[in-house]
Amino acid sequence: MKNLLPIILALLLGSSSAIGADERGPATIISEVLTHILNVLNERRAEFTENPDLLIPVVRDALLPSIDVVYTARLILGPSVRGVSTEQLHAFSDALSNVLINRYSRSLVEYSNGEQVQVMPMKGNNTDKLTRVRTRIGLPRGGFVPVDFAFHKTDMGWKAFDVTVEGISYVITFRNQISPRVRAEGIDKVTADILAGSIKFNE
């Protein structure tokens, strides 16, 4: 269970790329993207089990067009984002996502079995600034864990920016761990430490 949580954040964070506007709604995005990833994983299970690094391009290609990467990075940094340049912000986001995706790629293989994703009916007061898509992710030994994806509407369509697993927001969790270090040491030092693997994230 503990490995599932950072996996999802790893999927949420990554390097952005220029794409056209996405006209799909949030629930459709989540359903189509996660179904595609799990289908690929199931079809190539033996290959990915032998070499989990092959998962990285699959995940990136499927998810990145639907993620507001810069906004997510800003939220994780919180007040520490003040004075951070665009280049530093992108470097920070890239470092965090690369480490997480590589670290948990093998664990992701373990969660690629059966009918694993259920998108629940929309409910609550959803707006352009915040719309939540509730899903249930199947666990290897049976049962499900609730996972909520937070979306907001941008000029490029609906984009995800946070994920909450069993009530735990990973933007808030990582902000609590990273923002104080950025204030104390500077974002360049923290980015370098993330890339070097010297920062151990709590799970």
C-alpha atoms as a PDB file:
ATOM      1  CA  MET A   1       0.000   0.000   0.000  1.00  0.00           C
ATOM      2  CA  LYS A   2       2.760   2.466   0.905  1.00  0.00           C
ATOM      3  CA  ASN A   3       4.296   2.142  -2.562  1.00  0.00           C
ATOM      4  CA  LEU A   4       1.055   3.060  -4.321  1.00  0.00           C
ATOM      5  CA  LEU A   5       0.917   6.620  -2.985  1.00  0.00           C
ATOM      6  CA  PRO A   6       4.188   8.018  -4.358  1.00  0.00           C
ATOM      7  CA  ILE A   7       3.651   6.112  -7.582  1.00  0.00           C
ATOM      8  CA  ILE A   8       0.608   8.239  -8.259  1.00  0.00           C
ATOM      9  CA  LEU A   9       2.447  11.460  -7.500  1.00  0.00           C
ATOM     10  CA  ALA A  10       5.216  10.307  -9.795  1.00  0.00           C
ATOM     11  CA  LEU A  11       2.637   9.980 -12.531  1.00  0.00           C
ATOM     12  CA  LEU A  12       1.356  13.427 -11.707  1.00  0.00           C
ATOM     13  CA  LEU A  13       4.712  15.161 -11.985  1.00  0.00           C
ATOM     14  CA  GLY A  14       6.845  15.286 -15.112  1.00  0.00           C
ATOM     15  CA  SER A  15       8.371  17.471 -17.771  1.00  0.00           C
ATOM     16  CA  SER A  16       5.821  19.480 -19.746  1.00  0.00           C
ATOM     17  CA  SER A  17       5.599  19.630 -23.519  1.00  0.00           C
ATOM     18  CA  ALA A  18       3.700  21.756 -25.999  1.00  0.00           C
ATOM     19  CA  ILE A  19       0.379  20.189 -26.973  1.00  0.00           C
ATOM     20  CA  GLY A  20      -2.949  21.231 -28.373  1.00  0.00           C
ATOM     21  CA  ALA A  21      -5.973  22.008 -26.223  1.00  0.00           C
ATOM     22  CA  ASP A  22      -7.691  18.979 -24.688  1.00  0.00           C
ATOM     23  CA  GLU A  23     -11.471  19.201 -25.003  1.00  0.00           C
ATOM     24  CA  ARG A  24     -12.223  16.172 -22.820  1.00  0.00           C
ATOM     25  CA  GLY A  25     -13.745  16.454 -19.369  1.00  0.00           C
ATOM     26  CA  PRO A  26     -11.786  15.487 -16.225  1.00  0.00           C
ATOM     27  CA  ALA A  27     -13.537  12.135 -15.687  1.00  0.00           C
ATOM     28  CA  THR A  28     -12.980  11.115 -19.301  1.00  0.00           C
ATOM     29  CA  ILE A  29      -9.311  12.095 -19.113  1.00  0.00           C
ATOM     30  CA  ILE A  30      -8.684   9.988 -16.022  1.00  0.00           C
ATOM     31  CA  SER A  31     -10.622   7.003 -17.334  1.00  0.00           C
ATOM     32  CA  GLU A  32      -8.942   6.972 -20.753  1.00  0.00           C
ATOM     33  CA  VAL A  33      -5.415   7.690 -19.560  1.00  0.00           C
ATOM     34  CA  LEU A  34      -5.313   5.206 -16.686  1.00  0.00           C
ATOM     35  CA  THR A  35      -7.057   2.512 -18.720  1.00  0.00           C
ATOM     36  CA  HIS A  36      -4.503   2.948 -21.500  1.00  0.00           C
ATOM     37  CA  ILE A  37      -1.550   2.706 -19.115  1.00  0.00           C
ATOM     38  CA  LEU A  38      -2.885  -0.383 -17.370  1.00  0.00           C
ATOM     39  CA  ASN A  39      -3.693  -2.058 -20.686  1.00  0.00           C
ATOM     40  CA  VAL A  40      -0.142  -1.504 -21.910  1.00  0.00           C
ATOM     41  CA  LEU A  41       1.260  -2.782 -18.627  1.00  0.00           C
ATOM     42  CA  ASN A  42      -0.864  -5.915 -18.752  1.00  0.00           C
ATOM     43  CA  GLU A  43       0.005  -6.613 -22.391  1.00  0.00           C
ATOM     44  CA  ARG A  44       3.743  -6.211 -21.727  1.00  0.00           C
ATOM     45  CA  ARG A  45       3.903  -7.473 -18.154  1.00  0.00           C
ATOM     46  CA  ALA A  46       6.832  -9.843 -18.685  1.00  0.00           C
ATOM     47  CA  GLU A  47       8.824  -7.188 -20.514  1.00  0.00           C
ATOM     48  CA  PHE A  48       8.231  -4.541 -17.845  1.00  0.00           C
ATOM     49  CA  THR A  49       8.898  -6.984 -15.028  1.00  0.00           C
ATOM     50  CA  GLU A  50      12.290  -7.740 -16.513  1.00  0.00           C
ATOM     51  CA  ASN A  51      13.091  -4.063 -17.173  1.00  0.00           C
ATOM     52  CA  PRO A  52      10.867  -1.583 -15.268  1.00  0.00           C
ATOM     53  CA  ASP A  53      12.695   1.368 -16.828  1.00  0.00           C
ATOM     54  CA  LEU A  54      10.733   0.686 -20.009  1.00  0.00           C
ATOM     55  CA  LEU A  55       7.652   1.966 -18.151  1.00  0.00           C
ATOM     56  CA  ILE A  56       8.940   5.523 -18.046  1.00  0.00           C
ATOM     57  CA  PRO A  57       8.113   6.572 -21.639  1.00  0.00           C
ATOM     58  CA  VAL A  58       4.741   4.803 -21.458  1.00  0.00           C
ATOM     59  CA  VAL A  59       3.721   6.753 -18.375  1.00  0.00           C
ATOM     60  CA  ARG A  60       5.111  10.060 -19.585  1.00  0.00           C
ATOM     61  CA  ASP A  61       3.542   9.886 -23.035  1.00  0.00           C
ATOM     62  CA  ALA A  62       0.123   9.000 -21.625  1.00  0.00           C
ATOM     63  CA  LEU A  63      -0.098  11.381 -18.680  1.00  0.00           C
ATOM     64  CA  LEU A  64       1.932  14.517 -19.344  1.00  0.00           C
ATOM     65  CA  PRO A  65      -0.537  16.129 -21.773  1.00  0.00           C
ATOM     66  CA  SER A  66      -3.146  16.096 -18.979  1.00  0.00           C
ATOM     67  CA  ILE A  67      -0.990  17.546 -16.170  1.00  0.00           C
ATOM     68  CA  ASP A  68      -0.467  21.181 -15.197  1.00  0.00           C
ATOM     69  CA  VAL A  69       3.149  20.567 -14.249  1.00  0.00           C
ATOM     70  CA  VAL A  70       4.126  24.146 -13.451  1.00  0.00           C
ATOM     71  CA  TYR A  71       1.078  24.705 -11.260  1.00  0.00           C
ATOM     72  CA  THR A  72       1.752  21.486  -9.358  1.00  0.00           C
ATOM     73  CA  ALA A  73       5.358  22.486  -8.744  1.00  0.00           C
ATOM     74  CA  ARG A  74       4.245  25.913  -7.523  1.00  0.00           C
ATOM     75  CA  LEU A  75       1.796  24.333  -5.090  1.00  0.00           C
ATOM     76  CA  ILE A  76       4.457  21.982  -3.712  1.00  0.00           C
ATOM     77  CA  LEU A  77       6.872  24.866  -3.196  1.00  0.00           C
ATOM     78  CA  GLY A  78       4.198  27.022  -1.577  1.00  0.00           C
ATOM     79  CA  PRO A  79       5.549  30.364  -0.302  1.00  0.00           C
ATOM     80  CA  SER A  80       9.058  29.196  -1.226  1.00  0.00           C
ATOM     81  CA  VAL A  81       8.200  29.748  -4.901  1.00  0.00           C
ATOM     82  CA  ARG A  82       8.737  33.490  -4.441  1.00  0.00           C
ATOM     83  CA  GLY A  83      11.814  34.574  -6.330  1.00  0.00           C
ATOM     84  CA  VAL A  84      12.108  31.263  -8.196  1.00  0.00           C
ATOM     85  CA  SER A  85      12.649  31.702 -11.934  1.00  0.00           C
ATOM     86  CA  THR A  86      10.775  29.770 -14.606  1.00  0.00           C
ATOM     87  CA  GLU A  87      13.936  27.839 -15.412  1.00  0.00           C
ATOM     88  CA  GLN A  88      14.449  26.895 -11.766  1.00  0.00           C
ATOM     89  CA  LEU A  89      10.812  25.852 -11.454  1.00  0.00           C
ATOM     90  CA  HIS A  90      11.053  23.540 -14.460  1.00  0.00           C
ATOM     91  CA  ALA A  91      14.360  22.085 -13.241  1.00  0.00           C
ATOM     92  CA  PHE A  92      12.808  21.380  -9.840  1.00  0.00           C
ATOM     93  CA  SER A  93       9.763  19.690 -11.370  1.00  0.00           C
ATOM     94  CA  ASP A  94      11.898  17.600 -13.713  1.00  0.00           C
ATOM     95  CA  ALA A  95      14.191  16.459 -10.899  1.00  0.00           C
ATOM     96  CA  LEU A  96      11.353  15.418  -8.620  1.00  0.00           C
ATOM     97  CA  SER A  97       9.408  13.593 -11.297  1.00  0.00           C
ATOM     98  CA  ASN A  98      12.417  11.758 -12.692  1.00  0.00           C
ATOM     99  CA  VAL A  99      13.482  10.450  -9.298  1.00  0.00           C
ATOM    100  CA  LEU A 100       9.973   9.343  -8.346  1.00  0.00           C
ATOM    101  CA  ILE A 101       9.143   7.683 -11.654  1.00  0.00           C
ATOM    102  CA  ASN A 102      12.415   5.764 -11.711  1.00  0.00           C
ATOM    103  CA  ARG A 103      12.182   4.795  -8.056  1.00  0.00           C
ATOM    104  CA  TYR A 104       8.678   3.392  -8.226  1.00  0.00           C
ATOM    105  CA  SER A 105       8.494   1.971 -11.736  1.00  0.00           C
ATOM    106  CA  ARG A 106       8.942  -1.575 -10.456  1.00  0.00           C
ATOM    107  CA  SER A 107       6.163  -1.120  -7.905  1.00  0.00           C
ATOM    108  CA  LEU A 108       3.836   0.091 -10.637  1.00  0.00           C
ATOM    109  CA  VAL A 109       4.189  -3.257 -12.385  1.00  0.00           C
ATOM    110  CA  GLU A 110       2.791  -4.918  -9.254  1.00  0.00           C
ATOM    111  CA  TYR A 111      -0.411  -2.875  -9.538  1.00  0.00           C
ATOM    112  CA  SER A 112      -1.091  -3.707 -13.177  1.00  0.00           C
ATOM    113  CA  ASN A 113      -3.456  -6.621 -12.767  1.00  0.00           C
ATOM    114  CA  GLY A 114      -7.122  -7.052 -13.637  1.00  0.00           C
ATOM    115  CA  GLU A 115      -9.872  -4.470 -13.658  1.00  0.00           C
ATOM    116  CA  GLN A 116      -7.963  -1.981 -11.575  1.00  0.00           C
ATOM    117  CA  VAL A 117      -9.500   1.458 -12.073  1.00  0.00           C
ATOM    118  CA  GLN A 118     -13.079   2.488 -11.376  1.00  0.00           C
ATOM    119  CA  VAL A 119     -14.102   6.096 -12.071  1.00  0.00           C
ATOM    120  CA  MET A 120     -16.880   7.016  -9.671  1.00  0.00           C
ATOM    121  CA  PRO A 121     -19.870   9.269 -10.491  1.00  0.00           C
ATOM    122  CA  MET A 122     -19.155  12.971 -10.170  1.00  0.00           C
ATOM    123  CA  LYS A 123     -20.512  14.680  -7.071  1.00  0.00           C
ATOM    124  CA  GLY A 124     -19.990  17.817  -4.980  1.00  0.00           C
ATOM    125  CA  ASN A 125     -19.578  21.465  -5.911  1.00  0.00           C
ATOM    126  CA  ASN A 126     -17.216  21.206  -8.865  1.00  0.00           C
ATOM    127  CA  THR A 127     -16.010  24.405 -10.553  1.00  0.00           C
ATOM    128  CA  ASP A 128     -13.494  25.481 -13.186  1.00  0.00           C
ATOM    129  CA  LYS A 129     -11.014  26.200 -10.374  1.00  0.00           C
ATOM    130  CA  LEU A 130     -11.403  22.819  -8.702  1.00  0.00           C
ATOM    131  CA  THR A 131     -13.089  19.669  -9.922  1.00  0.00           C
ATOM    132  CA  ARG A 132     -12.420  16.337  -8.249  1.00  0.00           C
ATOM    133  CA  VAL A 133     -12.564  13.011 -10.030  1.00  0.00           C
ATOM    134  CA  ARG A 134     -12.985  10.131  -7.601  1.00  0.00           C
ATOM    135  CA  THR A 135     -11.544   6.766  -8.522  1.00  0.00           C
ATOM    136  CA  ARG A 136     -10.895   3.460  -6.846  1.00  0.00           C
ATOM    137  CA  ILE A 137      -7.609   1.710  -7.615  1.00  0.00           C
ATOM    138  CA  GLY A 138      -7.502  -2.060  -7.248  1.00  0.00           C
ATOM    139  CA  LEU A 139      -4.891  -3.595  -4.958  1.00  0.00           C
ATOM    140  CA  PRO A 140      -2.903  -6.706  -5.911  1.00  0.00           C
ATOM    141  CA  ARG A 141      -4.446  -8.906  -3.223  1.00  0.00           C
ATOM    142  CA  GLY A 142      -7.985  -7.609  -3.620  1.00  0.00           C
ATOM    143  CA  GLY A 143      -9.885  -4.563  -2.447  1.00  0.00           C
ATOM    144  CA  PHE A 144      -9.597  -0.954  -3.549  1.00  0.00           C
ATOM    145  CA  VAL A 145      -8.025   2.284  -2.369  1.00  0.00           C
ATOM    146  CA  PRO A 146      -9.826   5.620  -2.961  1.00  0.00           C
ATOM    147  CA  VAL A 147      -7.870   8.064  -5.110  1.00  0.00           C
ATOM    148  CA  ASP A 148      -9.131  11.570  -5.950  1.00  0.00           C
ATOM    149  CA  PHE A 149      -7.628  13.616  -8.770  1.00  0.00           C
ATOM    150  CA  ALA A 150      -7.913  17.419  -8.568  1.00  0.00           C
ATOM    151  CA  PHE A 151      -8.380  19.272 -11.866  1.00  0.00           C
ATOM    152  CA  HIS A 152      -8.694  22.893 -12.879  1.00  0.00           C
ATOM    153  CA  LYS A 153      -9.602  24.385 -16.239  1.00  0.00           C
ATOM    154  CA  THR A 154      -6.877  26.132 -18.214  1.00  0.00           C
ATOM    155  CA  ASP A 155      -6.578  27.657 -21.672  1.00  0.00           C
ATOM    156  CA  MET A 156      -5.355  24.233 -22.794  1.00  0.00           C
ATOM    157  CA  GLY A 157      -8.320  22.364 -21.306  1.00  0.00           C
ATOM    158  CA  TRP A 158      -8.749  20.500 -18.022  1.00  0.00           C
ATOM    159  CA  LYS A 159      -5.459  19.717 -16.266  1.00  0.00           C
ATOM    160  CA  ALA A 160      -4.758  17.677 -13.136  1.00  0.00           C
ATOM    161  CA  PHE A 161      -2.636  19.244 -10.398  1.00  0.00           C
ATOM    162  CA  ASP A 162      -2.994  17.103  -7.258  1.00  0.00           C
ATOM    163  CA  VAL A 163      -3.935  13.635  -6.121  1.00  0.00           C
ATOM    164  CA  THR A 164      -5.388  12.617  -2.775  1.00  0.00           C
ATOM    165  CA  VAL A 165      -5.014   9.001  -1.674  1.00  0.00           C
ATOM    166  CA  GLU A 166      -7.069   7.922   1.332  1.00  0.00           C
ATOM    167  CA  GLY A 167      -7.356  11.554   2.394  1.00  0.00           C
ATOM    168  CA  ILE A 168      -3.665  12.364   1.931  1.00  0.00           C
ATOM    169  CA  SER A 169      -2.870  15.165  -0.528  1.00  0.00           C
ATOM    170  CA  TYR A 170       0.547  14.639  -1.986  1.00  0.00           C
ATOM    171  CA  VAL A 171       0.953  18.298  -2.888  1.00  0.00           C
ATOM    172  CA  ILE A 172       0.561  19.156   0.800  1.00  0.00           C
ATOM    173  CA  THR A 173       2.699  16.228   1.932  1.00  0.00           C
ATOM    174  CA  PHE A 174       5.581  17.128  -0.325  1.00  0.00           C
ATOM    175  CA  ARG A 175       5.192  20.841   0.384  1.00  0.00           C
ATOM    176  CA  ASN A 176       5.695  20.117   4.083  1.00  0.00           C
ATOM    177  CA  GLN A 177       8.892  18.228   3.297  1.00  0.00           C
ATOM    178  CA  ILE A 178      10.399  20.380   0.566  1.00  0.00           C
ATOM    179  CA  SER A 179       9.356  23.981   1.142  1.00  0.00           C
ATOM    180  CA  PRO A 180      11.328  24.409   4.395  1.00  0.00           C
ATOM    181  CA  ARG A 181      14.469  23.090   2.731  1.00  0.00           C
ATOM    182  CA  VAL A 182      14.048  25.465  -0.197  1.00  0.00           C
ATOM    183  CA  ARG A 183      13.741  28.390   2.223  1.00  0.00           C
ATOM    184  CA  ALA A 184      16.841  27.285   4.103  1.00  0.00           C
ATOM    185  CA  GLU A 185      19.070  26.100   1.268  1.00  0.00           C
ATOM    186  CA  GLY A 186      17.675  27.549  -1.970  1.00  0.00           C
ATOM    187  CA  ILE A 187      15.885  25.781  -4.798  1.00  0.00           C
ATOM    188  CA  ASP A 188      19.045  25.032  -6.803  1.00  0.00           C
ATOM    189  CA  LYS A 189      20.567  23.106  -3.876  1.00  0.00           C
ATOM    190  CA  VAL A 190      17.334  21.213  -3.234  1.00  0.00           C
ATOM    191  CA  THR A 191      16.965  20.358  -6.933  1.00  0.00           C
ATOM    192  CA  ALA A 192      20.522  19.049  -7.023  1.00  0.00           C
ATOM    193  CA  ASP A 193      19.949  17.014  -3.867  1.00  0.00           C
ATOM    194  CA  ILE A 194      16.790  15.471  -5.351  1.00  0.00           C
ATOM    195  CA  LEU A 195      18.691  14.453  -8.470  1.00  0.00           C
ATOM    196  CA  ALA A 196      21.508  13.023  -6.341  1.00  0.00           C
ATOM    197  CA  GLY A 197      19.045  11.000  -4.310  1.00  0.00           C
ATOM    198  CA  SER A 198      20.154  12.557  -1.033  1.00  0.00           C
ATOM    199  CA  ILE A 199      16.650  13.704  -0.089  1.00  0.00           C
ATOM    200  CA  LYS A 200      14.558  10.855   1.300  1.00  0.00           C
ATOM    201  CA  PHE A 201      10.843  11.486   0.978  1.00  0.00           C
ATOM    202  CA  ASN A 202       8.483  10.251   3.664  1.00  0.00           C
ATOM    203  CA  GLU A 203       5.894   7.759   2.418  1.00  0.00           C
END
